[in-house]
Protein backbone atom coordinates (compact mmCIF):
# COMPACT_ATOMS: atom_id res chain seq x y z
CA MET A 1 27.57 -10.62 -5.32
CA LEU A 2 26.45 -9.92 -1.79
CA GLY A 3 28.57 -11.07 1.10
CA ALA A 4 27.48 -13.19 4.03
CA GLY A 5 24.69 -11.99 6.25
CA THR A 6 20.96 -11.43 6.24
CA LEU A 7 18.98 -9.99 3.34
CA ALA A 8 15.96 -7.68 3.34
CA LEU A 9 13.71 -7.19 0.31
CA VAL A 10 11.78 -4.01 -0.47
CA PRO A 11 9.23 -4.83 -3.21
CA THR A 12 8.19 -1.78 -5.26
CA MET A 13 6.59 -0.88 -8.57
CA GLY A 14 9.18 1.84 -9.14
CA ALA A 15 8.55 5.60 -9.41
CA LEU A 16 10.38 5.75 -6.11
CA HIS A 17 9.72 8.64 -3.71
CA GLU A 18 10.59 9.51 -0.12
CA GLY A 19 8.22 6.83 1.14
CA HIS A 20 10.21 4.18 -0.70
CA ARG A 21 13.44 5.70 0.58
CA SER A 22 12.14 5.25 4.12
CA LEU A 23 11.39 1.58 3.37
CA ILE A 24 14.96 1.03 2.17
CA ARG A 25 16.38 2.76 5.23
CA LEU A 26 14.19 0.65 7.51
CA ALA A 27 15.26 -2.49 5.67
CA ARG A 28 18.90 -1.62 6.34
CA GLU A 29 18.09 -1.61 10.06
CA HIS A 30 16.77 -5.16 9.83
CA ALA A 31 19.36 -6.89 7.65
CA ASP A 32 22.97 -6.77 6.49
CA HIS A 33 22.02 -6.34 2.83
CA VAL A 34 19.05 -4.81 1.02
CA ALA A 35 17.51 -5.76 -2.31
CA VAL A 36 14.87 -3.62 -4.02
CA SER A 37 12.57 -5.11 -6.63
CA ILE A 38 11.07 -2.88 -9.31
CA PHE A 39 8.21 -4.47 -11.21
CA VAL A 40 4.92 -3.00 -12.37
CA ASN A 41 2.79 -6.06 -11.81
CA PRO A 42 0.08 -6.46 -14.47
CA LEU A 43 -1.86 -9.00 -12.40
CA GLN A 44 -2.92 -6.43 -9.80
CA PHE A 45 -4.40 -3.93 -12.27
CA GLY A 46 -8.00 -4.18 -13.40
CA PRO A 47 -9.05 -3.70 -17.06
CA ASN A 48 -9.96 -0.03 -16.53
CA GLU A 49 -7.07 0.90 -14.23
CA ASP A 50 -3.83 2.78 -14.90
CA PHE A 51 -1.35 0.00 -15.77
CA SER A 52 -0.33 1.54 -19.10
CA ARG A 53 0.24 5.02 -17.67
CA TYR A 54 1.66 3.99 -14.29
CA PRO A 55 4.86 6.08 -13.93
CA ARG A 56 8.04 4.28 -14.93
CA THR A 57 11.24 6.12 -13.95
CA PHE A 58 13.80 3.32 -13.93
CA ASP A 59 17.00 5.35 -14.30
CA VAL A 60 16.00 7.71 -11.49
CA ASP A 61 14.94 4.73 -9.38
CA LEU A 62 18.40 3.18 -9.73
CA GLU A 63 19.95 6.39 -8.44
CA VAL A 64 17.61 6.38 -5.45
CA CYS A 65 18.48 2.78 -4.62
CA ALA A 66 22.22 3.50 -4.86
CA LYS A 67 21.97 6.58 -2.63
CA GLU A 68 19.99 4.69 0.00
CA GLY A 69 22.42 1.78 0.11
CA ALA A 70 20.50 -0.99 -1.63
CA GLY A 71 23.01 -3.59 -2.78
CA VAL A 72 20.79 -5.23 -5.41
CA VAL A 73 18.03 -4.05 -7.73
CA PHE A 74 15.89 -6.82 -9.18
CA ALA A 75 13.88 -5.54 -12.15
CA PRO A 76 12.42 -8.45 -14.12
CA SER A 77 10.20 -8.14 -17.17
CA ALA A 78 6.66 -9.48 -17.23
CA GLU A 79 7.86 -12.27 -19.53
CA GLU A 80 10.48 -13.28 -16.97
CA MET A 81 7.98 -13.23 -14.12
CA TYR A 82 5.07 -15.03 -15.74
CA LEU A 83 4.92 -17.98 -18.10
CA PRO A 84 2.78 -17.33 -21.19
CA ASP A 85 0.46 -20.18 -20.16
CA ARG A 86 0.47 -19.33 -16.44
CA GLN A 87 -2.24 -21.23 -14.59
CA VAL A 88 -1.46 -21.20 -10.86
CA GLY A 89 -1.65 -18.16 -8.60
CA VAL A 90 -2.47 -17.19 -5.05
CA PHE A 91 -6.13 -16.91 -4.03
CA ALA A 92 -6.57 -14.09 -1.54
CA GLY A 93 -9.66 -15.61 0.07
CA GLY A 94 -12.52 -13.73 1.67
CA MET A 95 -10.31 -10.94 2.95
CA GLY A 96 -9.45 -10.13 -0.63
CA THR A 97 -13.07 -9.35 -1.49
CA ILE A 98 -13.87 -6.73 1.16
CA VAL A 99 -13.05 -3.03 1.61
CA GLU A 100 -10.42 -2.34 -1.09
CA GLY A 101 -11.00 -5.76 -2.60
CA ALA A 102 -14.68 -5.01 -3.16
CA PHE A 103 -13.74 -2.14 -5.45
CA ARG A 104 -10.85 -3.94 -7.17
CA PRO A 105 -11.92 -7.55 -7.82
CA GLY A 106 -8.93 -9.85 -8.19
CA HIS A 107 -6.48 -7.14 -7.13
CA PHE A 108 -5.23 -8.95 -4.05
CA ASP A 109 -4.91 -12.24 -5.91
CA GLY A 110 -2.46 -10.44 -8.18
CA VAL A 111 -0.66 -8.76 -5.30
CA LEU A 112 -0.17 -11.97 -3.32
CA THR A 113 0.88 -13.92 -6.41
CA VAL A 114 3.65 -11.48 -7.30
CA VAL A 115 4.79 -11.09 -3.68
CA LEU A 116 5.06 -14.84 -3.23
CA LYS A 117 7.03 -15.12 -6.48
CA LEU A 118 9.38 -12.33 -5.38
CA LEU A 119 9.91 -13.97 -2.00
CA ASN A 120 10.66 -17.30 -3.69
CA LEU A 121 13.04 -15.73 -6.21
CA VAL A 122 14.97 -13.45 -3.85
CA GLN A 123 14.66 -15.57 -0.69
CA PRO A 124 15.07 -12.72 1.79
CA ASP A 125 15.13 -13.06 5.55
CA VAL A 126 13.00 -9.91 5.89
CA ALA A 127 10.56 -8.10 3.58
CA VAL A 128 9.45 -4.51 4.18
CA PHE A 129 6.09 -3.05 3.14
CA GLY A 130 4.46 0.31 3.77
CA GLN A 131 1.54 0.76 6.13
CA LYS A 132 -0.17 3.07 3.62
CA ASP A 133 -1.27 -0.08 1.80
CA ALA A 134 -2.64 -1.44 5.06
CA GLN A 135 -4.92 -4.14 3.66
CA GLN A 136 -2.14 -5.36 1.39
CA LEU A 137 0.21 -5.55 4.37
CA ALA A 138 -2.35 -7.46 6.44
CA MET A 139 -2.95 -9.93 3.62
CA ILE A 140 0.76 -10.49 3.02
CA ARG A 141 1.19 -11.27 6.70
CA ARG A 142 -1.71 -13.72 6.49
CA MET A 143 -0.28 -15.37 3.37
CA VAL A 144 3.12 -15.81 4.99
CA ALA A 145 1.49 -17.36 8.04
CA ASP A 146 -0.91 -19.59 6.11
CA LEU A 147 1.71 -20.85 3.63
CA ASP A 148 4.65 -21.09 6.07
CA VAL A 149 6.85 -18.73 4.07
CA PRO A 150 10.16 -18.35 5.94
CA VAL A 151 10.36 -14.56 5.98
CA ALA A 152 9.74 -11.85 8.58
CA ILE A 153 7.32 -9.14 7.42
CA VAL A 154 8.04 -5.62 8.64
CA GLY A 155 5.52 -2.80 8.30
CA ALA A 156 6.78 0.75 7.82
CA PRO A 157 4.90 3.90 8.87
CA THR A 158 3.15 5.98 6.21
CA VAL A 159 5.25 8.91 5.02
CA ARG A 160 3.37 12.13 4.34
CA GLU A 161 4.09 15.29 2.46
CA PRO A 162 4.21 18.54 4.49
CA ASP A 163 0.53 19.23 3.76
CA GLY A 164 -0.50 15.80 5.06
CA LEU A 165 -1.06 13.99 1.76
CA ALA A 166 0.21 10.42 1.97
CA LEU A 167 3.11 9.92 -0.40
CA SER A 168 2.15 7.93 -3.48
CA SER A 169 3.56 7.48 -6.95
CA ARG A 170 0.12 8.50 -8.22
CA ASN A 171 0.28 11.95 -6.57
CA ARG A 172 2.10 13.23 -9.65
CA TYR A 173 -1.14 12.82 -11.60
CA LEU A 174 -2.90 15.48 -9.49
CA SER A 175 -3.36 19.05 -10.68
CA VAL A 176 -3.07 21.88 -8.15
CA ARG A 177 -6.85 21.99 -7.66
CA GLU A 178 -7.15 18.20 -7.51
CA ARG A 179 -4.43 18.08 -4.88
CA ALA A 180 -6.35 20.56 -2.73
CA THR A 181 -9.37 18.27 -2.86
CA ALA A 182 -7.22 15.20 -2.18
CA LEU A 183 -6.11 16.69 1.14
CA SER A 184 -9.58 15.90 2.46
CA LEU A 185 -8.51 12.26 2.86
CA SER A 186 -5.85 12.98 5.46
CA GLN A 187 -8.05 15.67 7.01
CA ALA A 188 -10.87 13.15 7.42
CA LEU A 189 -8.52 10.66 9.05
CA ALA A 190 -7.27 13.30 11.48
CA ALA A 191 -10.83 14.27 12.37
CA GLY A 192 -11.74 10.66 13.02
CA ALA A 193 -8.61 9.97 15.08
CA ALA A 194 -9.51 12.83 17.40
CA GLU A 195 -12.75 11.11 18.46
CA THR A 196 -13.28 8.53 21.18
CA THR A 197 -15.84 5.96 20.01
CA PRO A 198 -16.30 4.04 16.75
CA VAL A 199 -19.56 5.83 15.95
CA ARG A 200 -18.02 9.26 16.50
CA VAL A 201 -14.83 8.34 14.63
CA LEU A 202 -16.78 7.42 11.51
CA ALA A 203 -19.15 10.36 11.81
CA ALA A 204 -16.28 12.86 12.03
CA ALA A 205 -14.46 11.37 9.05
CA LYS A 206 -17.62 11.19 6.96
CA ALA A 207 -18.45 14.83 7.67
CA VAL A 208 -15.13 15.95 6.18
CA LEU A 209 -15.47 13.67 3.18
CA GLU A 210 -19.06 14.70 2.48
CA GLY A 211 -17.92 18.31 2.44
CA ALA A 212 -15.21 17.41 -0.06
CA THR A 213 -17.81 16.02 -2.47
CA ARG A 214 -18.93 19.64 -2.99
CA LEU A 215 -15.47 20.95 -3.86
CA ASP A 216 -14.29 21.76 -7.38
CA PRO A 217 -13.18 19.25 -8.45
CA PRO A 218 -15.24 17.02 -6.16
CA LEU A 219 -14.05 14.06 -4.16
CA LEU A 220 -15.66 10.83 -5.39
CA LEU A 221 -15.72 8.60 -2.33
CA ASP A 222 -15.40 4.83 -2.66
CA TYR A 223 -15.45 3.99 1.03
CA VAL A 224 -14.56 5.06 4.53
CA GLU A 225 -14.56 2.24 7.08
CA LEU A 226 -13.41 1.54 10.61
CA VAL A 227 -11.99 -1.98 10.54
CA ASP A 228 -10.13 -4.57 12.54
CA PRO A 229 -6.47 -4.18 11.43
CA MET A 230 -5.99 -7.95 11.19
CA THR A 231 -9.17 -9.03 9.39
CA PHE A 232 -10.40 -5.79 7.80
CA ARG A 233 -13.92 -6.57 8.98
CA PRO A 234 -15.87 -3.55 10.29
CA VAL A 235 -15.65 -3.18 14.05
CA ASP A 236 -18.76 -3.07 16.23
CA ASP A 237 -20.12 0.17 17.62
CA ASP A 238 -18.96 -0.84 21.10
CA HIS A 239 -15.46 -1.87 19.97
CA GLN A 240 -12.79 -0.80 22.47
CA GLY A 241 -9.54 -2.16 21.03
CA GLU A 242 -7.31 -0.92 18.25
CA ALA A 243 -8.92 -0.25 14.89
CA LEU A 244 -7.93 1.16 11.52
CA LEU A 245 -9.73 4.01 9.77
CA VAL A 246 -9.39 3.44 6.02
CA VAL A 247 -10.51 5.57 3.09
CA ALA A 248 -10.37 5.44 -0.70
CA ALA A 249 -11.57 8.02 -3.18
CA LYS A 250 -11.01 9.35 -6.65
CA VAL A 251 -10.07 12.94 -7.49
CA GLY A 252 -10.24 13.58 -11.20
CA THR A 253 -8.85 10.41 -12.74
CA THR A 254 -6.60 9.58 -9.78
CA ARG A 255 -7.62 7.06 -7.15
CA LEU A 256 -6.01 7.45 -3.72
CA ILE A 257 -6.08 5.43 -0.51
CA ASP A 258 -5.08 6.31 3.03
CA ASN A 259 -5.50 5.08 6.60
CA THR A 260 -4.67 5.83 10.20
CA PRO A 261 -4.68 3.72 13.35
CA ILE A 262 -7.38 4.46 15.90
CA LEU A 263 -6.12 3.70 19.39
CA PRO A 264 -8.23 3.20 22.53
CA LYS A 265 -8.62 6.38 24.56
């Protein structure tokens, strides 16, 4: 049992890495106690996605949680989370159908449904999510605001490996050659962030990504967009405020996403 005080929740799908460790450490700064949920949520995977092979390393994950000071690990089964005749879920709305949502129909409905269930079950004061999943974070913030969920949402900076690749549980799928190609995502973001106008930001990022389509193995680009960080709608060419450069692509059989903030210069 946890003692008195505030509680922070770090929702994860397991296969914990240094990025997750940073979320737990940040959660400890915002609350007296930390709970980590580990649940590979079937609702957010499409029919041709990697649900069955998504890495599951529960024993190692428990060790990580203990070392980082999490007081509770909540690891329900799918049967415990969802009734067999489940009918009601969260509808992500229009924001769930654009950018990432356009390539993964229904994905954000599944994400928001499981997050709301976790918030209801754990009842934390604070919940911590990574900025790498920027559209997910924006939509969770919108859901909490729209549905009056009594929790503070904290976003955590993206953690990168020394070569710049954003940490992801899916990175372990990459071969050496695939990883070299995958580095083009962070390289494209860096090229875009060095520019000064929306048109030049996108042009610089696209130039890097187009070059990566000729590598072996090639990068298969889904999208690169410069969007409003709150709505995920594309910004205008004369936009002068903050924006978010987002990218998604497949290398081999592994699909990766990344993003970086673009600040006014």
